[in-house]
Amino acid sequence: MWWRRAGWFVLIWAASVTLLGMIAYLIRLMIL
């Protein structure tokens, strides 16, 4: 069941990228 593990990895990666993007956006709003 390697595809299930790969699916979890993609899901966690997408969530972390989205979270980092939101944090960067908030920091940019605070600076401006």
PDB file of N, CA and C in Angstrom:
ATOM      1  N   MET A   1       0.840  -1.214   0.000  1.00  0.00           N
ATOM      2  CA  MET A   1       0.000   0.000   0.000  1.00  0.00           C
ATOM      3  C   MET A   1       0.872   1.261   0.000  1.00  0.00           C
ATOM      4  N   TRP A   2       1.786   1.337  -0.961  1.00  0.00           N
ATOM      5  CA  TRP A   2       2.669   2.515  -1.010  1.00  0.00           C
ATOM      6  C   TRP A   2       1.907   3.750  -1.464  1.00  0.00           C
ATOM      7  N   TRP A   3       0.837   3.549  -2.248  1.00  0.00           N
ATOM      8  CA  TRP A   3       0.100   4.709  -2.766  1.00  0.00           C
ATOM      9  C   TRP A   3      -0.615   5.457  -1.646  1.00  0.00           C
ATOM     10  N   ARG A   4      -1.032   4.707  -0.613  1.00  0.00           N
ATOM     11  CA  ARG A   4      -1.709   5.372   0.512  1.00  0.00           C
ATOM     12  C   ARG A   4      -0.714   6.241   1.276  1.00  0.00           C
ATOM     13  N   ARG A   5       0.512   5.719   1.440  1.00  0.00           N
ATOM     14  CA  ARG A   5       1.554   6.493   2.128  1.00  0.00           C
ATOM     15  C   ARG A   5       1.920   7.727   1.303  1.00  0.00           C
ATOM     16  N   ALA A   6       1.993   7.555  -0.012  1.00  0.00           N
ATOM     17  CA  ALA A   6       2.303   8.681  -0.905  1.00  0.00           C
ATOM     18  C   ALA A   6       1.177   9.711  -0.845  1.00  0.00           C
ATOM     19  N   GLY A   7      -0.062   9.234  -0.748  1.00  0.00           N
ATOM     20  CA  GLY A   7      -1.201  10.157  -0.653  1.00  0.00           C
ATOM     21  C   GLY A   7      -1.125  10.994   0.616  1.00  0.00           C
ATOM     22  N   TRP A   8      -0.785  10.341   1.724  1.00  0.00           N
ATOM     23  CA  TRP A   8      -0.642  11.075   2.980  1.00  0.00           C
ATOM     24  C   TRP A   8       0.479  12.105   2.878  1.00  0.00           C
ATOM     25  N   PHE A   9       1.591  11.723   2.216  1.00  0.00           N
ATOM     26  CA  PHE A   9       2.726  12.631   2.071  1.00  0.00           C
ATOM     27  C   PHE A   9       2.328  13.855   1.266  1.00  0.00           C
ATOM     28  N   VAL A  10       1.600  13.635   0.168  1.00  0.00           N
ATOM     29  CA  VAL A  10       1.151  14.755  -0.674  1.00  0.00           C
ATOM     30  C   VAL A  10       0.193  15.653   0.109  1.00  0.00           C
ATOM     31  N   LEU A  11      -0.701  15.034   0.884  1.00  0.00           N
ATOM     32  CA  LEU A  11      -1.675  15.806   1.656  1.00  0.00           C
ATOM     33  C   LEU A  11      -0.969  16.692   2.681  1.00  0.00           C
ATOM     34  N   ILE A  12      -0.015  16.117   3.423  1.00  0.00           N
ATOM     35  CA  ILE A  12       0.718  16.880   4.434  1.00  0.00           C
ATOM     36  C   ILE A  12       1.558  17.973   3.772  1.00  0.00           C
ATOM     37  N   TRP A  13       2.160  17.657   2.603  1.00  0.00           N
ATOM     38  CA  TRP A  13       2.987  18.635   1.893  1.00  0.00           C
ATOM     39  C   TRP A  13       2.133  19.811   1.438  1.00  0.00           C
ATOM     40  N   ALA A  14       0.953  19.526   0.884  1.00  0.00           N
ATOM     41  CA  ALA A  14       0.062  20.585   0.408  1.00  0.00           C
ATOM     42  C   ALA A  14      -0.395  21.454   1.583  1.00  0.00           C
ATOM     43  N   ALA A  15      -0.708  20.829   2.720  1.00  0.00           N
ATOM     44  CA  ALA A  15      -1.160  21.583   3.888  1.00  0.00           C
ATOM     45  C   ALA A  15      -0.048  22.486   4.415  1.00  0.00           C
ATOM     46  N   SER A  16       1.187  21.981   4.456  1.00  0.00           N
ATOM     47  CA  SER A  16       2.302  22.784   4.964  1.00  0.00           C
ATOM     48  C   SER A  16       2.604  23.940   4.020  1.00  0.00           C
ATOM     49  N   VAL A  17       2.532  23.692   2.703  1.00  0.00           N
ATOM     50  CA  VAL A  17       2.787  24.762   1.732  1.00  0.00           C
ATOM     51  C   VAL A  17       1.718  25.842   1.855  1.00  0.00           C
ATOM     52  N   THR A  18       0.451  25.433   2.011  1.00  0.00           N
ATOM     53  CA  THR A  18      -0.640  26.399   2.167  1.00  0.00           C
ATOM     54  C   THR A  18      -0.446  27.216   3.440  1.00  0.00           C
ATOM     55  N   LEU A  19      -0.050  26.540   4.529  1.00  0.00           N
ATOM     56  CA  LEU A  19       0.165  27.226   5.800  1.00  0.00           C
ATOM     57  C   LEU A  19       1.300  28.236   5.684  1.00  0.00           C
ATOM     58  N   LEU A  20       2.405  27.835   5.034  1.00  0.00           N
ATOM     59  CA  LEU A  20       3.536  28.751   4.859  1.00  0.00           C
ATOM     60  C   LEU A  20       3.125  29.941   4.010  1.00  0.00           C
ATOM     61  N   GLY A  21       2.318  29.706   2.978  1.00  0.00           N
ATOM     62  CA  GLY A  21       1.856  30.794   2.118  1.00  0.00           C
ATOM     63  C   GLY A  21       0.999  31.781   2.899  1.00  0.00           C
ATOM     64  N   MET A  22       0.111  31.270   3.752  1.00  0.00           N
ATOM     65  CA  MET A  22      -0.738  32.147   4.557  1.00  0.00           C
ATOM     66  C   MET A  22       0.095  32.956   5.539  1.00  0.00           C
ATOM     67  N   ILE A  23       1.086  32.327   6.167  1.00  0.00           N
ATOM     68  CA  ILE A  23       1.943  33.027   7.125  1.00  0.00           C
ATOM     69  C   ILE A  23       2.736  34.123   6.420  1.00  0.00           C
ATOM     70  N   ALA A  24       3.280  33.811   5.230  1.00  0.00           N
ATOM     71  CA  ALA A  24       4.039  34.805   4.474  1.00  0.00           C
ATOM     72  C   ALA A  24       3.127  35.964   4.085  1.00  0.00           C
ATOM     73  N   TYR A  25       1.882  35.670   3.712  1.00  0.00           N
ATOM     74  CA  TYR A  25       0.933  36.715   3.327  1.00  0.00           C
ATOM     75  C   TYR A  25       0.615  37.610   4.522  1.00  0.00           C
ATOM     76  N   LEU A  26       0.418  37.010   5.699  1.00  0.00           N
ATOM     77  CA  LEU A  26       0.120  37.796   6.896  1.00  0.00           C
ATOM     78  C   LEU A  26       1.304  38.675   7.271  1.00  0.00           C
ATOM     79  N   ILE A  27       2.527  38.138   7.167  1.00  0.00           N
ATOM     80  CA  ILE A  27       3.719  38.926   7.490  1.00  0.00           C
ATOM     81  C   ILE A  27       3.833  40.107   6.528  1.00  0.00           C
ATOM     82  N   ARG A  28       3.530  39.863   5.240  1.00  0.00           N
ATOM     83  CA  ARG A  28       3.595  40.951   4.267  1.00  0.00           C
ATOM     84  C   ARG A  28       2.560  42.020   4.602  1.00  0.00           C
ATOM     85  N   LEU A  29       1.377  41.608   5.049  1.00  0.00           N
ATOM     86  CA  LEU A  29       0.344  42.575   5.414  1.00  0.00           C
ATOM     87  C   LEU A  29       0.793  43.399   6.620  1.00  0.00           C
ATOM     88  N   MET A  30       1.461  42.761   7.583  1.00  0.00           N
ATOM     89  CA  MET A  30       1.917  43.479   8.770  1.00  0.00           C
ATOM     90  C   MET A  30       3.004  44.485   8.411  1.00  0.00           C
ATOM     91  N   ILE A  31       3.904  44.103   7.492  1.00  0.00           N
ATOM     92  CA  ILE A  31       5.000  44.999   7.122  1.00  0.00           C
ATOM     93  C   ILE A  31       4.465  46.219   6.375  1.00  0.00           C
ATOM     94  N   LEU A  32       3.528  45.995   5.433  1.00  0.00           N
ATOM     95  CA  LEU A  32       3.011  47.115   4.641  1.00  0.00           C
ATOM     96  C   LEU A  32       2.090  47.997   5.463  1.00  0.00           C
TER      97      LEU A  32
END
